[in-house]
């Protein structure tokens, strides 16, 4: 039961992340916003590799 809840939570987080990133253009993905150390592309890549 606990494993199912965890998998549901991970599925929700993945779907939410993909939905938020869906409309980001290539140019926007490479921008490092002021006050941040990395671009959206870097952060998405980091999320992808950590979960793999």
PDB file of N, CA and C in Angstrom:
ATOM      1  N   UNK A   1       0.826  -1.198   0.000  1.00  0.00           N
ATOM      2  CA  UNK A   1       0.000   0.000   0.000  1.00  0.00           C
ATOM      3  C   UNK A   1       0.868   1.259   0.000  1.00  0.00           C
ATOM      4  N   UNK A   2       1.920   1.273   0.811  1.00  0.00           N
ATOM      5  CA  UNK A   2       2.796   2.442   0.875  1.00  0.00           C
ATOM      6  C   UNK A   2       3.538   2.634  -0.448  1.00  0.00           C
ATOM      7  N   UNK A   3       3.944   1.523  -1.086  1.00  0.00           N
ATOM      8  CA  UNK A   3       4.626   1.620  -2.378  1.00  0.00           C
ATOM      9  C   UNK A   3       3.709   2.233  -3.420  1.00  0.00           C
ATOM     10  N   UNK A   4       2.440   1.869  -3.403  1.00  0.00           N
ATOM     11  CA  UNK A   4       1.485   2.411  -4.362  1.00  0.00           C
ATOM     12  C   UNK A   4       1.320   3.915  -4.164  1.00  0.00           C
ATOM     13  N   UNK A   5       1.263   4.364  -2.929  1.00  0.00           N
ATOM     14  CA  UNK A   5       1.132   5.795  -2.643  1.00  0.00           C
ATOM     15  C   UNK A   5       2.363   6.548  -3.135  1.00  0.00           C
ATOM     16  N   UNK A   6       3.537   5.984  -2.938  1.00  0.00           N
ATOM     17  CA  UNK A   6       4.776   6.616  -3.395  1.00  0.00           C
ATOM     18  C   UNK A   6       4.795   6.708  -4.920  1.00  0.00           C
ATOM     19  N   UNK A   7       4.426   5.618  -5.584  1.00  0.00           N
ATOM     20  CA  UNK A   7       4.406   5.636  -7.047  1.00  0.00           C
ATOM     21  C   UNK A   7       3.380   6.632  -7.580  1.00  0.00           C
ATOM     22  N   UNK A   8       2.246   6.742  -6.910  1.00  0.00           N
ATOM     23  CA  UNK A   8       1.244   7.729  -7.317  1.00  0.00           C
ATOM     24  C   UNK A   8       1.778   9.152  -7.157  1.00  0.00           C
ATOM     25  N   UNK A   9       2.505   9.385  -6.077  1.00  0.00           N
ATOM     26  CA  UNK A   9       3.070  10.715  -5.835  1.00  0.00           C
ATOM     27  C   UNK A   9       4.132  11.041  -6.889  1.00  0.00           C
ATOM     28  N   UNK A  10       4.987  10.081  -7.215  1.00  0.00           N
ATOM     29  CA  UNK A  10       6.010  10.297  -8.240  1.00  0.00           C
ATOM     30  C   UNK A  10       5.370  10.535  -9.604  1.00  0.00           C
ATOM     31  N   UNK A  11       4.309   9.789  -9.908  1.00  0.00           N
ATOM     32  CA  UNK A  11       3.593   9.966 -11.168  1.00  0.00           C
ATOM     33  C   UNK A  11       2.985  11.366 -11.250  1.00  0.00           C
ATOM     34  N   UNK A  12       2.405  11.821 -10.153  1.00  0.00           N
ATOM     35  CA  UNK A  12       1.826  13.169 -10.113  1.00  0.00           C
ATOM     36  C   UNK A  12       2.910  14.226 -10.319  1.00  0.00           C
ATOM     37  N   UNK A  13       4.044  14.081  -9.635  1.00  0.00           N
ATOM     38  CA  UNK A  13       5.135  15.056  -9.756  1.00  0.00           C
ATOM     39  C   UNK A  13       5.680  15.075 -11.180  1.00  0.00           C
ATOM     40  N   UNK A  14       5.813  13.905 -11.800  1.00  0.00           N
ATOM     41  CA  UNK A  14       6.311  13.823 -13.177  1.00  0.00           C
ATOM     42  C   UNK A  14       5.340  14.500 -14.136  1.00  0.00           C
ATOM     43  N   UNK A  15       4.058  14.192 -14.004  1.00  0.00           N
ATOM     44  CA  UNK A  15       3.049  14.780 -14.885  1.00  0.00           C
ATOM     45  C   UNK A  15       2.992  16.298 -14.717  1.00  0.00           C
ATOM     46  N   UNK A  16       3.098  16.770 -13.496  1.00  0.00           N
ATOM     47  CA  UNK A  16       3.066  18.211 -13.231  1.00  0.00           C
ATOM     48  C   UNK A  16       4.281  18.908 -13.836  1.00  0.00           C
ATOM     49  N   UNK A  17       5.447  18.291 -13.709  1.00  0.00           N
ATOM     50  CA  UNK A  17       6.674  18.857 -14.265  1.00  0.00           C
ATOM     51  C   UNK A  17       6.597  18.920 -15.784  1.00  0.00           C
ATOM     52  N   UNK A  18       6.136  17.834 -16.410  1.00  0.00           N
ATOM     53  CA  UNK A  18       6.014  17.815 -17.865  1.00  0.00           C
ATOM     54  C   UNK A  18       5.009  18.855 -18.354  1.00  0.00           C
ATOM     55  N   UNK A  19       3.910  19.004 -17.639  1.00  0.00           N
ATOM     56  CA  UNK A  19       2.895  20.000 -18.020  1.00  0.00           C
ATOM     57  C   UNK A  19       3.452  21.414 -17.915  1.00  0.00           C
ATOM     58  N   UNK A  20       4.229  21.685 -16.872  1.00  0.00           N
ATOM     59  CA  UNK A  20       4.801  23.017 -16.680  1.00  0.00           C
ATOM     60  C   UNK A  20       5.857  23.326 -17.746  1.00  0.00           C
ATOM     61  N   UNK A  21       6.580  22.301 -18.199  1.00  0.00           N
ATOM     62  CA  UNK A  21       7.672  22.509 -19.154  1.00  0.00           C
ATOM     63  C   UNK A  21       7.211  22.411 -20.603  1.00  0.00           C
ATOM     64  N   UNK A  22       5.989  22.001 -20.828  1.00  0.00           N
ATOM     65  CA  UNK A  22       5.482  21.739 -22.179  1.00  0.00           C
ATOM     66  C   UNK A  22       5.606  22.936 -23.120  1.00  0.00           C
ATOM     67  N   UNK A  23       5.316  24.107 -22.646  1.00  0.00           N
ATOM     68  CA  UNK A  23       5.298  25.289 -23.507  1.00  0.00           C
ATOM     69  C   UNK A  23       6.572  26.129 -23.451  1.00  0.00           C
ATOM     70  N   UNK A  24       7.606  25.620 -22.819  1.00  0.00           N
ATOM     71  CA  UNK A  24       8.878  26.343 -22.736  1.00  0.00           C
ATOM     72  C   UNK A  24       9.615  26.185 -24.066  1.00  0.00           C
ATOM     73  N   UNK A  25      10.017  27.299 -24.659  1.00  0.00           N
ATOM     74  CA  UNK A  25      10.744  27.246 -25.934  1.00  0.00           C
ATOM     75  C   UNK A  25      12.213  26.899 -25.689  1.00  0.00           C
ATOM     76  N   UNK A  26      12.901  26.566 -26.776  1.00  0.00           N
ATOM     77  CA  UNK A  26      14.334  26.261 -26.693  1.00  0.00           C
ATOM     78  C   UNK A  26      15.110  27.449 -26.119  1.00  0.00           C
ATOM     79  N   UNK A  27      14.752  28.656 -26.563  1.00  0.00           N
ATOM     80  CA  UNK A  27      15.451  29.859 -26.103  1.00  0.00           C
ATOM     81  C   UNK A  27      15.174  30.104 -24.616  1.00  0.00           C
ATOM     82  N   UNK A  28      13.933  29.933 -24.196  1.00  0.00           N
ATOM     83  CA  UNK A  28      13.587  30.121 -22.786  1.00  0.00           C
ATOM     84  C   UNK A  28      14.269  29.083 -21.901  1.00  0.00           C
ATOM     85  N   UNK A  29      14.429  27.879 -22.406  1.00  0.00           N
ATOM     86  CA  UNK A  29      15.029  26.797 -21.621  1.00  0.00           C
ATOM     87  C   UNK A  29      16.479  27.087 -21.253  1.00  0.00           C
ATOM     88  N   UNK A  30      17.140  27.919 -22.037  1.00  0.00           N
ATOM     89  CA  UNK A  30      18.553  28.221 -21.790  1.00  0.00           C
ATOM     90  C   UNK A  30      18.789  29.483 -20.981  1.00  0.00           C
ATOM     91  N   UNK A  31      17.741  30.190 -20.625  1.00  0.00           N
ATOM     92  CA  UNK A  31      17.886  31.401 -19.825  1.00  0.00           C
ATOM     93  C   UNK A  31      18.130  31.035 -18.367  1.00  0.00           C
ATOM     94  N   UNK A  32      19.098  31.703 -17.756  1.00  0.00           N
ATOM     95  CA  UNK A  32      19.341  31.553 -16.321  1.00  0.00           C
ATOM     96  C   UNK A  32      18.721  32.782 -15.652  1.00  0.00           C
ATOM     97  N   UNK A  33      17.585  32.613 -14.974  1.00  0.00           N
ATOM     98  CA  UNK A  33      16.925  33.765 -14.355  1.00  0.00           C
ATOM     99  C   UNK A  33      17.808  34.417 -13.292  1.00  0.00           C
ATOM    100  N   UNK A  34      17.666  35.713 -13.152  1.00  0.00           N
ATOM    101  CA  UNK A  34      18.416  36.443 -12.137  1.00  0.00           C
ATOM    102  C   UNK A  34      18.121  35.853 -10.759  1.00  0.00           C
ATOM    103  N   UNK A  35      19.165  35.626 -10.002  1.00  0.00           N
ATOM    104  CA  UNK A  35      19.016  35.057  -8.669  1.00  0.00           C
ATOM    105  C   UNK A  35      19.099  33.537  -8.642  1.00  0.00           C
ATOM    106  N   UNK A  36      19.204  32.919  -9.821  1.00  0.00           N
ATOM    107  CA  UNK A  36      19.300  31.464  -9.910  1.00  0.00           C
ATOM    108  C   UNK A  36      20.645  31.079 -10.507  1.00  0.00           C
ATOM    109  N   UNK A  37      21.091  29.869 -10.218  1.00  0.00           N
ATOM    110  CA  UNK A  37      22.400  29.426 -10.693  1.00  0.00           C
ATOM    111  C   UNK A  37      22.336  28.647 -12.003  1.00  0.00           C
ATOM    112  N   UNK A  38      21.140  28.150 -12.372  1.00  0.00           N
ATOM    113  CA  UNK A  38      21.051  27.273 -13.539  1.00  0.00           C
ATOM    114  C   UNK A  38      19.826  27.587 -14.380  1.00  0.00           C
ATOM    115  N   UNK A  39      19.862  27.088 -15.618  1.00  0.00           N
ATOM    116  CA  UNK A  39      18.751  27.301 -16.553  1.00  0.00           C
ATOM    117  C   UNK A  39      17.637  26.278 -16.311  1.00  0.00           C
ATOM    118  N   UNK A  40      16.508  26.518 -16.951  1.00  0.00           N
ATOM    119  CA  UNK A  40      15.405  25.556 -16.894  1.00  0.00           C
ATOM    120  C   UNK A  40      15.864  24.227 -17.485  1.00  0.00           C
ATOM    121  N   UNK A  41      16.592  24.277 -18.583  1.00  0.00           N
ATOM    122  CA  UNK A  41      17.079  23.042 -19.221  1.00  0.00           C
ATOM    123  C   UNK A  41      17.953  22.246 -18.241  1.00  0.00           C
ATOM    124  N   UNK A  42      18.846  22.933 -17.535  1.00  0.00           N
ATOM    125  CA  UNK A  42      19.715  22.252 -16.579  1.00  0.00           C
ATOM    126  C   UNK A  42      18.867  21.594 -15.486  1.00  0.00           C
ATOM    127  N   UNK A  43      17.883  22.343 -14.972  1.00  0.00           N
ATOM    128  CA  UNK A  43      17.047  21.798 -13.910  1.00  0.00           C
ATOM    129  C   UNK A  43      16.235  20.599 -14.383  1.00  0.00           C
ATOM    130  N   UNK A  44      15.674  20.671 -15.576  1.00  0.00           N
ATOM    131  CA  UNK A  44      14.920  19.525 -16.094  1.00  0.00           C
ATOM    132  C   UNK A  44      15.832  18.324 -16.306  1.00  0.00           C
ATOM    133  N   UNK A  45      17.027  18.566 -16.802  1.00  0.00           N
ATOM    134  CA  UNK A  45      17.988  17.470 -16.965  1.00  0.00           C
ATOM    135  C   UNK A  45      18.369  16.870 -15.633  1.00  0.00           C
ATOM    136  N   UNK A  46      18.521  17.703 -14.634  1.00  0.00           N
ATOM    137  CA  UNK A  46      18.859  17.227 -13.291  1.00  0.00           C
ATOM    138  C   UNK A  46      17.719  16.366 -12.736  1.00  0.00           C
ATOM    139  N   UNK A  47      16.487  16.816 -12.899  1.00  0.00           N
ATOM    140  CA  UNK A  47      15.338  16.035 -12.436  1.00  0.00           C
ATOM    141  C   UNK A  47      15.314  14.685 -13.144  1.00  0.00           C
ATOM    142  N   UNK A  48      15.541  14.702 -14.455  1.00  0.00           N
ATOM    143  CA  UNK A  48      15.511  13.466 -15.239  1.00  0.00           C
ATOM    144  C   UNK A  48      16.577  12.479 -14.779  1.00  0.00           C
ATOM    145  N   UNK A  49      17.803  12.932 -14.628  1.00  0.00           N
ATOM    146  CA  UNK A  49      18.884  12.002 -14.267  1.00  0.00           C
ATOM    147  C   UNK A  49      18.773  11.508 -12.836  1.00  0.00           C
ATOM    148  N   UNK A  50      18.281  12.330 -11.927  1.00  0.00           N
ATOM    149  CA  UNK A  50      18.128  11.910 -10.533  1.00  0.00           C
ATOM    150  C   UNK A  50      17.082  10.808 -10.418  1.00  0.00           C
ATOM    151  N   UNK A  51      16.000  10.942 -11.181  1.00  0.00           N
ATOM    152  CA  UNK A  51      14.932   9.940 -11.108  1.00  0.00           C
ATOM    153  C   UNK A  51      15.289   8.655 -11.827  1.00  0.00           C
ATOM    154  N   UNK A  52      16.229   8.702 -12.742  1.00  0.00           N
ATOM    155  CA  UNK A  52      16.639   7.487 -13.432  1.00  0.00           C
ATOM    156  C   UNK A  52      17.565   6.717 -12.537  1.00  0.00           C
TER     157      UNK A  52
END
